Amino acid sequence: MPYNDPPSVQGPEPGYYYHYKHDPTKEVNDYAYYVYGVGNYTEDDLPPGYERLQHMQVYRPLYDSFVYKNGKMLDLRPLVMVWDKVQWQGKTLDRFTRITDREVIKQLQVIRRKMYPEELADWGN
């Protein structure tokens, strides 16, 4: 797949999302993420069979996860996996669900700014 091919599926809009493992009885940031958008592998040398790695969702955890503890890295997930349905506790669920509750978003914005103060405060996200 050439470097300049568009993604085969649409990426998620930037914003706040819960992973399917989110437990609403726990903290508001339990398995919460901020999604930045889609990243593109910039070379055209992906081996055959690795095309699903061409485009990646780029996001950050808003809880004390492995990537946060180890340098505040960004998470990447193949874009084609973002929309996969998953089996969890006997149910079929979306892997990620956009958070639309304004009060929850306000709480997550505060958490995000505390966890990642290096991000521009005026981004408004």
C-alpha atoms as a PDB file:
ATOM      1  CA  MET A   1       0.000   0.000   0.000  1.00  0.00           C
ATOM      2  CA  PRO A   2       1.583   3.293  -1.003  1.00  0.00           C
ATOM      3  CA  TYR A   3       2.316   5.842   1.669  1.00  0.00           C
ATOM      4  CA  ASN A   4      -0.246   8.325   0.354  1.00  0.00           C
ATOM      5  CA  ASP A   5      -3.254   5.973   0.173  1.00  0.00           C
ATOM      6  CA  PRO A   6      -6.187   7.135   2.304  1.00  0.00           C
ATOM      7  CA  PRO A   7      -7.339   4.935   5.204  1.00  0.00           C
ATOM      8  CA  SER A   8      -9.643   2.076   4.250  1.00  0.00           C
ATOM      9  CA  VAL A   9     -11.973   2.964   7.130  1.00  0.00           C
ATOM     10  CA  GLN A  10     -12.839   6.303   8.681  1.00  0.00           C
ATOM     11  CA  GLY A  11     -10.994   7.179  11.844  1.00  0.00           C
ATOM     12  CA  PRO A  12     -12.654   8.349  15.030  1.00  0.00           C
ATOM     13  CA  GLU A  13     -13.132  12.064  15.580  1.00  0.00           C
ATOM     14  CA  PRO A  14     -10.749  13.601  18.112  1.00  0.00           C
ATOM     15  CA  GLY A  15     -12.250  13.584  21.571  1.00  0.00           C
ATOM     16  CA  TYR A  16     -12.847  11.568  24.707  1.00  0.00           C
ATOM     17  CA  TYR A  17     -13.693   7.871  24.567  1.00  0.00           C
ATOM     18  CA  TYR A  18     -14.265   4.946  26.879  1.00  0.00           C
ATOM     19  CA  HIS A  19     -12.768   1.562  26.143  1.00  0.00           C
ATOM     20  CA  TYR A  20     -15.156  -1.370  26.463  1.00  0.00           C
ATOM     21  CA  LYS A  21     -13.500  -2.333  29.784  1.00  0.00           C
ATOM     22  CA  HIS A  22     -14.649   0.945  31.391  1.00  0.00           C
ATOM     23  CA  ASP A  23     -16.527   0.315  34.641  1.00  0.00           C
ATOM     24  CA  PRO A  24     -18.989   3.152  35.385  1.00  0.00           C
ATOM     25  CA  THR A  25     -18.954   2.238  39.090  1.00  0.00           C
ATOM     26  CA  LYS A  26     -15.259   3.209  39.242  1.00  0.00           C
ATOM     27  CA  GLU A  27     -13.492   6.531  38.705  1.00  0.00           C
ATOM     28  CA  VAL A  28     -14.629   8.699  35.787  1.00  0.00           C
ATOM     29  CA  ASN A  29     -11.282   8.120  34.074  1.00  0.00           C
ATOM     30  CA  ASP A  30     -11.398   4.307  34.316  1.00  0.00           C
ATOM     31  CA  TYR A  31     -10.335   3.150  30.823  1.00  0.00           C
ATOM     32  CA  ALA A  32     -10.874   6.668  29.474  1.00  0.00           C
ATOM     33  CA  TYR A  33      -8.801   7.955  26.564  1.00  0.00           C
ATOM     34  CA  TYR A  34      -8.263  11.088  24.578  1.00  0.00           C
ATOM     35  CA  VAL A  35      -8.163  10.289  20.850  1.00  0.00           C
ATOM     36  CA  TYR A  36      -6.061  12.651  18.743  1.00  0.00           C
ATOM     37  CA  GLY A  37      -6.894  11.160  15.387  1.00  0.00           C
ATOM     38  CA  VAL A  38      -5.220   8.932  12.829  1.00  0.00           C
ATOM     39  CA  GLY A  39      -1.494   8.460  12.259  1.00  0.00           C
ATOM     40  CA  ASN A  40      -0.038   7.277   8.975  1.00  0.00           C
ATOM     41  CA  TYR A  41       2.989   5.032   8.534  1.00  0.00           C
ATOM     42  CA  THR A  42       5.138   7.279   6.371  1.00  0.00           C
ATOM     43  CA  GLU A  43       7.079   4.710   4.382  1.00  0.00           C
ATOM     44  CA  ASP A  44       5.924   2.655   1.430  1.00  0.00           C
ATOM     45  CA  ASP A  45       7.775  -0.495   2.436  1.00  0.00           C
ATOM     46  CA  LEU A  46       5.163  -2.320   4.510  1.00  0.00           C
ATOM     47  CA  PRO A  47       5.612  -6.034   3.908  1.00  0.00           C
ATOM     48  CA  PRO A  48       2.702  -7.909   2.335  1.00  0.00           C
ATOM     49  CA  GLY A  49       0.135  -8.765   4.984  1.00  0.00           C
ATOM     50  CA  TYR A  50       0.935  -5.729   7.144  1.00  0.00           C
ATOM     51  CA  GLU A  51      -1.379  -3.311   5.340  1.00  0.00           C
ATOM     52  CA  ARG A  52      -3.597  -3.052   8.433  1.00  0.00           C
ATOM     53  CA  LEU A  53      -0.707  -1.225  10.127  1.00  0.00           C
ATOM     54  CA  GLN A  54      -0.641   1.591   7.545  1.00  0.00           C
ATOM     55  CA  HIS A  55      -3.064   3.763   9.529  1.00  0.00           C
ATOM     56  CA  MET A  56      -3.217   3.889  13.316  1.00  0.00           C
ATOM     57  CA  GLN A  57      -5.506   5.508  15.840  1.00  0.00           C
ATOM     58  CA  VAL A  58      -3.389   7.787  18.044  1.00  0.00           C
ATOM     59  CA  TYR A  59      -4.588   8.218  21.608  1.00  0.00           C
ATOM     60  CA  ARG A  60      -3.550   8.626  25.234  1.00  0.00           C
ATOM     61  CA  PRO A  61      -4.848   7.021  28.402  1.00  0.00           C
ATOM     62  CA  LEU A  62      -6.402   9.236  31.040  1.00  0.00           C
ATOM     63  CA  TYR A  63      -5.619   6.785  33.825  1.00  0.00           C
ATOM     64  CA  ASP A  64      -2.444   5.370  35.357  1.00  0.00           C
ATOM     65  CA  SER A  65      -1.639   2.862  32.602  1.00  0.00           C
ATOM     66  CA  PHE A  66       1.574   1.202  31.424  1.00  0.00           C
ATOM     67  CA  VAL A  67       2.220   3.812  28.731  1.00  0.00           C
ATOM     68  CA  TYR A  68       1.620   6.652  31.184  1.00  0.00           C
ATOM     69  CA  LYS A  69       3.990   5.178  33.765  1.00  0.00           C
ATOM     70  CA  ASN A  70       6.657   4.584  31.113  1.00  0.00           C
ATOM     71  CA  GLY A  71       7.207   8.016  29.658  1.00  0.00           C
ATOM     72  CA  LYS A  72       3.673   9.212  28.901  1.00  0.00           C
ATOM     73  CA  MET A  73       3.829   7.564  25.503  1.00  0.00           C
ATOM     74  CA  LEU A  74       1.045   7.665  22.959  1.00  0.00           C
ATOM     75  CA  ASP A  75      -1.019   4.550  22.325  1.00  0.00           C
ATOM     76  CA  LEU A  76      -1.419   3.283  18.767  1.00  0.00           C
ATOM     77  CA  ARG A  77      -3.980   0.815  17.499  1.00  0.00           C
ATOM     78  CA  PRO A  78      -4.506  -0.320  13.913  1.00  0.00           C
ATOM     79  CA  LEU A  79      -7.391   1.746  12.605  1.00  0.00           C
ATOM     80  CA  VAL A  80      -9.222  -1.319  11.341  1.00  0.00           C
ATOM     81  CA  MET A  81      -9.371  -2.596  14.950  1.00  0.00           C
ATOM     82  CA  VAL A  82     -10.984   0.579  16.317  1.00  0.00           C
ATOM     83  CA  TRP A  83     -14.391  -0.373  14.957  1.00  0.00           C
ATOM     84  CA  ASP A  84     -14.125  -4.072  15.813  1.00  0.00           C
ATOM     85  CA  LYS A  85     -16.811  -5.510  18.033  1.00  0.00           C
ATOM     86  CA  VAL A  86     -15.494  -7.361  21.060  1.00  0.00           C
ATOM     87  CA  GLN A  87     -16.911 -10.055  23.317  1.00  0.00           C
ATOM     88  CA  TRP A  88     -16.825  -8.964  26.968  1.00  0.00           C
ATOM     89  CA  GLN A  89     -18.609 -10.632  29.851  1.00  0.00           C
ATOM     90  CA  GLY A  90     -21.034 -12.369  27.528  1.00  0.00           C
ATOM     91  CA  LYS A  91     -21.903  -9.252  25.531  1.00  0.00           C
ATOM     92  CA  THR A  92     -20.927  -7.909  22.114  1.00  0.00           C
ATOM     93  CA  LEU A  93     -19.631  -4.357  22.532  1.00  0.00           C
ATOM     94  CA  ASP A  94     -17.949  -1.591  20.557  1.00  0.00           C
ATOM     95  CA  ARG A  95     -14.227  -1.402  21.345  1.00  0.00           C
ATOM     96  CA  PHE A  96     -14.488   2.392  21.925  1.00  0.00           C
ATOM     97  CA  THR A  97     -17.474   4.592  22.709  1.00  0.00           C
ATOM     98  CA  ARG A  98     -17.368   8.358  22.321  1.00  0.00           C
ATOM     99  CA  ILE A  99     -18.133  10.268  25.512  1.00  0.00           C
ATOM    100  CA  THR A 100     -20.762  12.952  24.940  1.00  0.00           C
ATOM    101  CA  ASP A 101     -21.747  13.858  28.519  1.00  0.00           C
ATOM    102  CA  ARG A 102     -20.458  17.431  28.975  1.00  0.00           C
ATOM    103  CA  GLU A 103     -19.940  17.036  32.728  1.00  0.00           C
ATOM    104  CA  VAL A 104     -17.875  13.892  32.226  1.00  0.00           C
ATOM    105  CA  ILE A 105     -15.843  15.630  29.512  1.00  0.00           C
ATOM    106  CA  LYS A 106     -15.138  18.560  31.853  1.00  0.00           C
ATOM    107  CA  GLN A 107     -13.828  16.148  34.491  1.00  0.00           C
ATOM    108  CA  LEU A 108     -11.682  14.352  31.931  1.00  0.00           C
ATOM    109  CA  GLN A 109     -10.293  17.660  30.640  1.00  0.00           C
ATOM    110  CA  VAL A 110      -9.037  18.459  34.154  1.00  0.00           C
ATOM    111  CA  ILE A 111      -7.478  14.989  34.454  1.00  0.00           C
ATOM    112  CA  ARG A 112      -5.866  15.287  31.021  1.00  0.00           C
ATOM    113  CA  ARG A 113      -4.293  18.649  31.832  1.00  0.00           C
ATOM    114  CA  LYS A 114      -2.882  17.287  35.097  1.00  0.00           C
ATOM    115  CA  MET A 115      -1.502  14.157  33.461  1.00  0.00           C
ATOM    116  CA  TYR A 116      -0.116  15.849  30.360  1.00  0.00           C
ATOM    117  CA  PRO A 117       0.743  19.458  31.281  1.00  0.00           C
ATOM    118  CA  GLU A 118       3.124  19.627  28.322  1.00  0.00           C
ATOM    119  CA  GLU A 119       0.139  19.775  25.974  1.00  0.00           C
ATOM    120  CA  LEU A 120      -1.000  23.252  25.069  1.00  0.00           C
ATOM    121  CA  ALA A 121      -3.540  24.452  27.610  1.00  0.00           C
ATOM    122  CA  ASP A 122      -5.370  26.522  25.016  1.00  0.00           C
ATOM    123  CA  TRP A 123      -6.243  23.537  22.836  1.00  0.00           C
ATOM    124  CA  GLY A 124      -9.614  23.581  24.569  1.00  0.00           C
ATOM    125  CA  ASN A 125      -9.915  19.804  24.450  1.00  0.00           C
END
